[in-house]
PDB file of N, CA and C in Angstrom:
ATOM      1  N   MET A   1      40.348  66.714  28.484  1.00  0.00           N
ATOM      2  CA  MET A   1      41.716  67.131  28.632  1.00  0.00           C
ATOM      3  C   MET A   1      41.796  68.588  29.084  1.00  0.00           C
ATOM      4  N   ASP A   2      40.916  69.416  28.528  1.00  0.00           N
ATOM      5  CA  ASP A   2      40.918  70.819  28.919  1.00  0.00           C
ATOM      6  C   ASP A   2      40.452  70.991  30.359  1.00  0.00           C
ATOM      7  N   ARG A   3      39.537  70.135  30.771  1.00  0.00           N
ATOM      8  CA  ARG A   3      39.067  70.218  32.157  1.00  0.00           C
ATOM      9  C   ARG A   3      40.187  69.889  33.140  1.00  0.00           C
ATOM     10  N   GLU A   4      40.955  68.862  32.816  1.00  0.00           N
ATOM     11  CA  GLU A   4      42.071  68.482  33.692  1.00  0.00           C
ATOM     12  C   GLU A   4      43.090  69.613  33.795  1.00  0.00           C
ATOM     13  N   ALA A   5      43.392  70.233  32.677  1.00  0.00           N
ATOM     14  CA  ALA A   5      44.331  71.350  32.672  1.00  0.00           C
ATOM     15  C   ALA A   5      43.770  72.517  33.478  1.00  0.00           C
ATOM     16  N   ALA A   6      42.488  72.759  33.353  1.00  0.00           N
ATOM     17  CA  ALA A   6      41.861  73.850  34.110  1.00  0.00           C
ATOM     18  C   ALA A   6      41.895  73.549  35.610  1.00  0.00           C
ATOM     19  N   VAL A   7      41.661  72.306  35.978  1.00  0.00           N
ATOM     20  CA  VAL A   7      41.702  71.914  37.390  1.00  0.00           C
ATOM     21  C   VAL A   7      43.123  72.074  37.927  1.00  0.00           C
ATOM     22  N   ILE A   8      44.093  71.644  37.156  1.00  0.00           N
ATOM     23  CA  ILE A   8      45.491  71.766  37.592  1.00  0.00           C
ATOM     24  C   ILE A   8      45.868  73.233  37.731  1.00  0.00           C
ATOM     25  N   ARG A   9      45.478  74.081  36.770  1.00  0.00           N
ATOM     26  CA  ARG A   9      45.757  75.519  36.868  1.00  0.00           C
ATOM     27  C   ARG A   9      45.096  76.132  38.097  1.00  0.00           C
ATOM     28  N   ALA A  10      43.867  75.731  38.370  1.00  0.00           N
ATOM     29  CA  ALA A  10      43.157  76.257  39.547  1.00  0.00           C
ATOM     30  C   ALA A  10      43.873  75.841  40.833  1.00  0.00           C
ATOM     31  N   GLU A  11      44.305  74.590  40.897  1.00  0.00           N
ATOM     32  CA  GLU A  11      45.026  74.131  42.081  1.00  0.00           C
ATOM     33  C   GLU A  11      46.357  74.867  42.236  1.00  0.00           C
ATOM     34  N   MET A  12      47.042  75.103  41.124  1.00  0.00           N
ATOM     35  CA  MET A  12      48.314  75.826  41.181  1.00  0.00           C
ATOM     36  C   MET A  12      48.114  77.259  41.647  1.00  0.00           C
ATOM     37  N   SER A  13      47.085  77.900  41.133  1.00  0.00           N
ATOM     38  CA  SER A  13      46.857  79.283  41.556  1.00  0.00           C
ATOM     39  C   SER A  13      46.435  79.342  43.026  1.00  0.00           C
ATOM     40  N   GLN A  14      45.659  78.370  43.465  1.00  0.00           N
ATOM     41  CA  GLN A  14      45.270  78.313  44.875  1.00  0.00           C
ATOM     42  C   GLN A  14      46.491  78.076  45.757  1.00  0.00           C
ATOM     43  N   THR A  15      47.368  77.158  45.323  1.00  0.00           N
ATOM     44  CA  THR A  15      48.585  76.882  46.081  1.00  0.00           C
ATOM     45  C   THR A  15      49.473  78.125  46.146  1.00  0.00           C
ATOM     46  N   ARG A  16      49.594  78.840  45.016  1.00  0.00           N
ATOM     47  CA  ARG A  16      50.384  80.073  45.008  1.00  0.00           C
ATOM     48  C   ARG A  16      49.810  81.098  45.967  1.00  0.00           C
ATOM     49  N   ALA A  17      48.506  81.235  45.964  1.00  0.00           N
ATOM     50  CA  ALA A  17      47.869  82.202  46.863  1.00  0.00           C
ATOM     51  C   ALA A  17      48.118  81.826  48.321  1.00  0.00           C
ATOM     52  N   GLU A  18      48.010  80.540  48.653  1.00  0.00           N
ATOM     53  CA  GLU A  18      48.273  80.089  50.025  1.00  0.00           C
ATOM     54  C   GLU A  18      49.728  80.341  50.418  1.00  0.00           C
ATOM     55  N   LEU A  19      50.641  80.057  49.500  1.00  0.00           N
ATOM     56  CA  LEU A  19      52.049  80.299  49.790  1.00  0.00           C
ATOM     57  C   LEU A  19      52.331  81.792  49.965  1.00  0.00           C
ATOM     58  N   ASP A  20      51.699  82.626  49.154  1.00  0.00           N
ATOM     59  CA  ASP A  20      51.873  84.074  49.300  1.00  0.00           C
ATOM     60  C   ASP A  20      51.371  84.548  50.663  1.00  0.00           C
ATOM     61  N   ARG A  21      50.234  84.010  51.106  1.00  0.00           N
ATOM     62  CA  ARG A  21      49.712  84.376  52.428  1.00  0.00           C
ATOM     63  C   ARG A  21      50.671  83.919  53.536  1.00  0.00           C
ATOM     64  N   LYS A  22      51.198  82.710  53.414  1.00  0.00           N
ATOM     65  CA  LYS A  22      52.136  82.207  54.421  1.00  0.00           C
ATOM     66  C   LYS A  22      53.403  83.057  54.460  1.00  0.00           C
ATOM     67  N   ILE A  23      53.917  83.407  53.294  1.00  0.00           N
ATOM     68  CA  ILE A  23      55.118  84.248  53.233  1.00  0.00           C
ATOM     69  C   ILE A  23      54.850  85.601  53.866  1.00  0.00           C
ATOM     70  N   ALA A  24      53.686  86.176  53.579  1.00  0.00           N
ATOM     71  CA  ALA A  24      53.352  87.477  54.166  1.00  0.00           C
ATOM     72  C   ALA A  24      53.270  87.383  55.689  1.00  0.00           C
ATOM     73  N   ARG A  25      52.669  86.298  56.191  1.00  0.00           N
ATOM     74  CA  ARG A  25      52.595  86.127  57.649  1.00  0.00           C
ATOM     75  C   ARG A  25      53.985  85.956  58.262  1.00  0.00           C
ATOM     76  N   LEU A  26      54.846  85.183  57.602  1.00  0.00           N
ATOM     77  CA  LEU A  26      56.208  84.996  58.109  1.00  0.00           C
ATOM     78  C   LEU A  26      56.997  86.307  58.089  1.00  0.00           C
ATOM     79  N   GLU A  27      56.824  87.105  57.060  1.00  0.00           N
ATOM     80  CA  GLU A  27      57.510  88.400  57.004  1.00  0.00           C
ATOM     81  C   GLU A  27      57.020  89.317  58.121  1.00  0.00           C
ATOM     82  N   ASP A  28      55.718  89.289  58.390  1.00  0.00           N
ATOM     83  CA  ASP A  28      55.178  90.096  59.495  1.00  0.00           C
ATOM     84  C   ASP A  28      55.763  89.650  60.837  1.00  0.00           C
ATOM     85  N   ARG A  29      55.844  88.336  61.031  1.00  0.00           N
ATOM     86  CA  ARG A  29      56.428  87.829  62.277  1.00  0.00           C
ATOM     87  C   ARG A  29      57.896  88.215  62.392  1.00  0.00           C
ATOM     88  N   ALA A  30      58.622  88.163  61.272  1.00  0.00           N
ATOM     89  CA  ALA A  30      60.042  88.538  61.296  1.00  0.00           C
ATOM     90  C   ALA A  30      60.191  90.018  61.652  1.00  0.00           C
ATOM     91  N   ARG A  31      59.311  90.871  61.126  1.00  0.00           N
ATOM     92  CA  ARG A  31      59.366  92.297  61.462  1.00  0.00           C
ATOM     93  C   ARG A  31      59.043  92.516  62.932  1.00  0.00           C
ATOM     94  N   ASP A  32      58.104  91.742  63.465  1.00  0.00           N
ATOM     95  CA  ASP A  32      57.747  91.884  64.882  1.00  0.00           C
ATOM     96  C   ASP A  32      58.860  91.409  65.807  1.00  0.00           C
ATOM     97  N   MET A  33      59.756  90.577  65.325  1.00  0.00           N
ATOM     98  CA  MET A  33      60.831  90.066  66.160  1.00  0.00           C
ATOM     99  C   MET A  33      62.084  90.936  66.091  1.00  0.00           C
ATOM    100  N   SER A  34      62.058  92.021  65.359  1.00  0.00           N
ATOM    101  CA  SER A  34      63.239  92.883  65.261  1.00  0.00           C
ATOM    102  C   SER A  34      63.481  93.569  66.606  1.00  0.00           C
ATOM    103  N   PRO A  35      64.725  93.936  66.899  1.00  0.00           N
ATOM    104  CA  PRO A  35      65.026  94.568  68.191  1.00  0.00           C
ATOM    105  C   PRO A  35      64.235  95.856  68.427  1.00  0.00           C
ATOM    106  N   ARG A  36      64.046  96.637  67.372  1.00  0.00           N
ATOM    107  CA  ARG A  36      63.308  97.888  67.532  1.00  0.00           C
ATOM    108  C   ARG A  36      61.863  97.625  67.934  1.00  0.00           C
ATOM    109  N   ARG A  37      61.197  96.678  67.289  1.00  0.00           N
ATOM    110  CA  ARG A  37      59.809  96.366  67.647  1.00  0.00           C
ATOM    111  C   ARG A  37      59.717  95.768  69.046  1.00  0.00           C
ATOM    112  N   TYR A  38      60.696  94.933  69.411  1.00  0.00           N
ATOM    113  CA  TYR A  38      60.709  94.354  70.758  1.00  0.00           C
ATOM    114  C   TYR A  38      60.794  95.468  71.790  1.00  0.00           C
ATOM    115  N   TRP A  39      61.679  96.432  71.557  1.00  0.00           N
ATOM    116  CA  TRP A  39      61.825  97.552  72.486  1.00  0.00           C
ATOM    117  C   TRP A  39      60.528  98.356  72.550  1.00  0.00           C
ATOM    118  N   GLU A  40      59.890  98.582  71.411  1.00  0.00           N
ATOM    119  CA  GLU A  40      58.641  99.333  71.408  1.00  0.00           C
ATOM    120  C   GLU A  40      57.566  98.632  72.241  1.00  0.00           C
ATOM    121  N   ARG A  41      57.565  97.301  72.221  1.00  0.00           N
ATOM    122  CA  ARG A  41      56.566  96.567  73.007  1.00  0.00           C
ATOM    123  C   ARG A  41      56.894  96.543  74.488  1.00  0.00           C
ATOM    124  N   HIS A  42      58.187  96.563  74.852  1.00  0.00           N
ATOM    125  CA  HIS A  42      58.577  96.358  76.241  1.00  0.00           C
ATOM    126  C   HIS A  42      59.162  97.579  76.936  1.00  0.00           C
ATOM    127  N   LYS A  43      59.210  98.704  76.263  1.00  0.00           N
ATOM    128  CA  LYS A  43      59.813  99.881  76.897  1.00  0.00           C
ATOM    129  C   LYS A  43      58.902 100.418  77.999  1.00  0.00           C
ATOM    130  N   PRO A  44      59.485 101.107  78.973  1.00  0.00           N
ATOM    131  CA  PRO A  44      58.657 101.704  80.024  1.00  0.00           C
ATOM    132  C   PRO A  44      57.716 102.757  79.434  1.00  0.00           C
ATOM    133  N   GLU A  45      56.511 102.797  79.941  1.00  0.00           N
ATOM    134  CA  GLU A  45      55.519 103.702  79.373  1.00  0.00           C
ATOM    135  C   GLU A  45      55.643 105.119  79.899  1.00  0.00           C
ATOM    136  N   TYR A  46      56.197 105.301  81.068  1.00  0.00           N
ATOM    137  CA  TYR A  46      56.188 106.610  81.691  1.00  0.00           C
ATOM    138  C   TYR A  46      57.600 107.159  81.822  1.00  0.00           C
ATOM    139  N   LEU A  47      57.720 108.457  81.746  1.00  0.00           N
ATOM    140  CA  LEU A  47      59.005 109.134  81.867  1.00  0.00           C
ATOM    141  C   LEU A  47      59.639 108.851  83.229  1.00  0.00           C
ATOM    142  N   LEU A  48      58.821 108.790  84.264  1.00  0.00           N
ATOM    143  CA  LEU A  48      59.346 108.520  85.601  1.00  0.00           C
ATOM    144  C   LEU A  48      60.034 107.158  85.654  1.00  0.00           C
ATOM    145  N   ASP A  49      59.435 106.154  85.032  1.00  0.00           N
ATOM    146  CA  ASP A  49      60.056 104.829  84.999  1.00  0.00           C
ATOM    147  C   ASP A  49      61.397 104.877  84.289  1.00  0.00           C
ATOM    148  N   GLN A  50      61.469 105.620  83.191  1.00  0.00           N
ATOM    149  CA  GLN A  50      62.724 105.733  82.458  1.00  0.00           C
ATOM    150  C   GLN A  50      63.775 106.442  83.301  1.00  0.00           C
ATOM    151  N   MET A  51      63.369 107.483  84.014  1.00  0.00           N
ATOM    152  CA  MET A  51      64.314 108.222  84.834  1.00  0.00           C
ATOM    153  C   MET A  51      64.830 107.360  85.990  1.00  0.00           C
ATOM    154  N   ILE A  52      63.936 106.615  86.633  1.00  0.00           N
ATOM    155  CA  ILE A  52      64.354 105.737  87.725  1.00  0.00           C
ATOM    156  C   ILE A  52      65.318 104.680  87.204  1.00  0.00           C
ATOM    157  N   GLY A  53      65.024 104.116  86.044  1.00  0.00           N
ATOM    158  CA  GLY A  53      65.927 103.123  85.453  1.00  0.00           C
ATOM    159  C   GLY A  53      67.291 103.720  85.152  1.00  0.00           C
ATOM    160  N   GLY A  54      67.324 104.938  84.640  1.00  0.00           N
ATOM    161  CA  GLY A  54      68.597 105.595  84.354  1.00  0.00           C
ATOM    162  C   GLY A  54      69.397 105.865  85.609  1.00  0.00           C
ATOM    163  N   VAL A  55      68.720 106.340  86.646  1.00  0.00           N
ATOM    164  CA  VAL A  55      69.409 106.618  87.912  1.00  0.00           C
ATOM    165  C   VAL A  55      69.960 105.333  88.509  1.00  0.00           C
ATOM    166  N   LEU A  56      69.165 104.271  88.505  1.00  0.00           N
ATOM    167  CA  LEU A  56      69.639 102.993  89.042  1.00  0.00           C
ATOM    168  C   LEU A  56      70.823 102.453  88.251  1.00  0.00           C
ATOM    169  N   THR A  57      70.804 102.637  86.950  1.00  0.00           N
ATOM    170  CA  THR A  57      71.929 102.205  86.125  1.00  0.00           C
ATOM    171  C   THR A  57      73.189 102.973  86.491  1.00  0.00           C
ATOM    172  N   LEU A  58      73.064 104.295  86.637  1.00  0.00           N
ATOM    173  CA  LEU A  58      74.233 105.107  87.007  1.00  0.00           C
ATOM    174  C   LEU A  58      74.761 104.744  88.393  1.00  0.00           C
ATOM    175  N   VAL A  59      73.857 104.500  89.342  1.00  0.00           N
ATOM    176  CA  VAL A  59      74.283 104.105  90.685  1.00  0.00           C
ATOM    177  C   VAL A  59      75.030 102.769  90.629  1.00  0.00           C
ATOM    178  N   GLY A  60      74.512 101.829  89.873  1.00  0.00           N
ATOM    179  CA  GLY A  60      75.172 100.534  89.741  1.00  0.00           C
ATOM    180  C   GLY A  60      76.548 100.645  89.115  1.00  0.00           C
ATOM    181  N   ILE A  61      76.673 101.488  88.087  1.00  0.00           N
ATOM    182  CA  ILE A  61      77.970 101.677  87.452  1.00  0.00           C
ATOM    183  C   ILE A  61      78.950 102.316  88.423  1.00  0.00           C
ATOM    184  N   SER A  62      78.495 103.311  89.181  1.00  0.00           N
ATOM    185  CA  SER A  62      79.404 103.970  90.116  1.00  0.00           C
ATOM    186  C   SER A  62      79.831 103.021  91.241  1.00  0.00           C
ATOM    187  N   LEU A  63      78.918 102.191  91.722  1.00  0.00           N
ATOM    188  CA  LEU A  63      79.285 101.217  92.752  1.00  0.00           C
ATOM    189  C   LEU A  63      80.301 100.209  92.222  1.00  0.00           C
ATOM    190  N   ALA A  64      80.089  99.732  91.017  1.00  0.00           N
ATOM    191  CA  ALA A  64      81.031  98.778  90.433  1.00  0.00           C
ATOM    192  C   ALA A  64      82.396  99.427  90.239  1.00  0.00           C
ATOM    193  N   TRP A  65      82.408 100.664  89.776  1.00  0.00           N
ATOM    194  CA  TRP A  65      83.666 101.362  89.552  1.00  0.00           C
ATOM    195  C   TRP A  65      84.417 101.581  90.873  1.00  0.00           C
ATOM    196  N   SER A  66      83.698 102.001  91.906  1.00  0.00           N
ATOM    197  CA  SER A  66      84.363 102.226  93.191  1.00  0.00           C
ATOM    198  C   SER A  66      84.879 100.911  93.781  1.00  0.00           C
ATOM    199  N   HIS A  67      84.147  99.835  93.558  1.00  0.00           N
ATOM    200  CA  HIS A  67      84.590  98.521  94.041  1.00  0.00           C
ATOM    201  C   HIS A  67      85.891  98.117  93.346  1.00  0.00           C
ATOM    202  N   LEU A  68      85.966  98.339  92.044  1.00  0.00           N
ATOM    203  CA  LEU A  68      87.189  98.002  91.320  1.00  0.00           C
ATOM    204  C   LEU A  68      88.356  98.852  91.796  1.00  0.00           C
ATOM    205  N   ARG A  69      88.121 100.137  92.009  1.00  0.00           N
ATOM    206  CA  ARG A  69      89.198 101.016  92.458  1.00  0.00           C
ATOM    207  C   ARG A  69      89.666 100.640  93.861  1.00  0.00           C
ATOM    208  N   SER A  70      88.741 100.307  94.754  1.00  0.00           N
ATOM    209  CA  SER A  70      89.128  99.961  96.121  1.00  0.00           C
ATOM    210  C   SER A  70      89.915  98.656  96.151  1.00  0.00           C
ATOM    211  N   ARG A  71      89.618  97.725  95.273  1.00  0.00           N
ATOM    212  CA  ARG A  71      90.366  96.466  95.247  1.00  0.00           C
ATOM    213  C   ARG A  71      91.798  96.703  94.808  1.00  0.00           C
ATOM    214  N   ARG A  72      92.009  97.621  93.854  1.00  0.00           N
ATOM    215  CA  ARG A  72      93.372  97.940  93.435  1.00  0.00           C
ATOM    216  C   ARG A  72      94.156  98.549  94.581  1.00  0.00           C
ATOM    217  N   HIS A  73      93.527  99.506  95.281  1.00  0.00           N
ATOM    218  CA  HIS A  73      94.208 100.148  96.403  1.00  0.00           C
ATOM    219  C   HIS A  73      94.442  99.161  97.544  1.00  0.00           C
ATOM    220  N   GLN A  74      93.535  98.257  97.750  1.00  0.00           N
ATOM    221  CA  GLN A  74      93.685  97.265  98.807  1.00  0.00           C
ATOM    222  C   GLN A  74      94.883  96.368  98.519  1.00  0.00           C
ATOM    223  N   ARG A  75      95.042  95.961  97.272  1.00  0.00           N
ATOM    224  CA  ARG A  75      96.196  95.141  96.914  1.00  0.00           C
ATOM    225  C   ARG A  75      97.498  95.897  97.172  1.00  0.00           C
ATOM    226  N   ALA A  76      97.496  97.182  96.811  1.00  0.00           N
ATOM    227  CA  ALA A  76      98.709  97.985  97.028  1.00  0.00           C
ATOM    228  C   ALA A  76      99.008  98.094  98.526  1.00  0.00           C
ATOM    229  N   ARG A  77      97.985  98.277  99.357  1.00  0.00           N
ATOM    230  CA  ARG A  77      98.198  98.356 100.803  1.00  0.00           C
ATOM    231  C   ARG A  77      98.729  97.045 101.359  1.00  0.00           C
ATOM    232  N   VAL A  78      98.204  95.924 100.874  1.00  0.00           N
ATOM    233  CA  VAL A  78      98.659  94.618 101.342  1.00  0.00           C
ATOM    234  C   VAL A  78     100.113  94.412 100.951  1.00  0.00           C
ATOM    235  N   ARG A  79     100.471  94.781  99.721  1.00  0.00           N
ATOM    236  CA  ARG A  79     101.861  94.643  99.294  1.00  0.00           C
ATOM    237  C   ARG A  79     102.785  95.510 100.139  1.00  0.00           C
ATOM    238  N   ALA A  80     102.352  96.740 100.418  1.00  0.00           N
ATOM    239  CA  ALA A  80     103.169  97.639 101.240  1.00  0.00           C
ATOM    240  C   ALA A  80     103.314  97.076 102.649  1.00  0.00           C
ATOM    241  N   ALA A  81     102.249  96.520 103.201  1.00  0.00           N
ATOM    242  CA  ALA A  81     102.310  95.944 104.545  1.00  0.00           C
ATOM    243  C   ALA A  81     103.243  94.746 104.564  1.00  0.00           C
ATOM    244  N   LEU A  82     103.178  93.900 103.537  1.00  0.00           N
ATOM    245  CA  LEU A  82     104.075  92.751 103.478  1.00  0.00           C
ATOM    246  C   LEU A  82     105.526  93.202 103.338  1.00  0.00           C
ATOM    247  N   ALA A  83     105.744  94.220 102.545  1.00  0.00           N
ATOM    248  CA  ALA A  83     107.103  94.720 102.349  1.00  0.00           C
ATOM    249  C   ALA A  83     107.651  95.285 103.664  1.00  0.00           C
ATOM    250  N   SER A  84     106.823  96.009 104.395  1.00  0.00           N
ATOM    251  CA  SER A  84     107.297  96.569 105.663  1.00  0.00           C
ATOM    252  C   SER A  84     107.492  95.459 106.700  1.00  0.00           C
ATOM    253  N   TYR A  85     106.701  94.413 106.644  1.00  0.00           N
ATOM    254  CA  TYR A  85     106.846  93.297 107.574  1.00  0.00           C
ATOM    255  C   TYR A  85     108.144  92.549 107.305  1.00  0.00           C
ATOM    256  N   GLU A  86     108.459  92.371 106.024  1.00  0.00           N
ATOM    257  CA  GLU A  86     109.686  91.649 105.641  1.00  0.00           C
ATOM    258  C   GLU A  86     110.918  92.475 106.027  1.00  0.00           C
ATOM    259  N   ALA A  87     110.774  93.793 106.082  1.00  0.00           N
ATOM    260  CA  ALA A  87     111.913  94.646 106.418  1.00  0.00           C
ATOM    261  C   ALA A  87     112.272  94.495 107.880  1.00  0.00           C
ATOM    262  N   TRP A  88     111.372  94.066 108.716  1.00  0.00           N
ATOM    263  CA  TRP A  88     111.666  93.932 110.154  1.00  0.00           C
ATOM    264  C   TRP A  88     112.653  92.883 110.314  1.00  0.00           C
TER     265      TRP A  88
END
């Protein structure tokens, strides 16, 4: 009877140890999937790359902004042209 209890205790402790290892591995994977760790793995390595990316981002924003502004002015010009045409 004592042997059976000892075997069961040994199996339980082994199972606990395996579960603890699995939990530790899952926690490590969860930490590696955080946004900060992802950025650390994929960020540009050189300052020049970061600067080029920043400049390209600013150029893209300025182009988008100018496109939006020109569309507003274009609509106003079309409305003015239609209004002057209707006045004839």
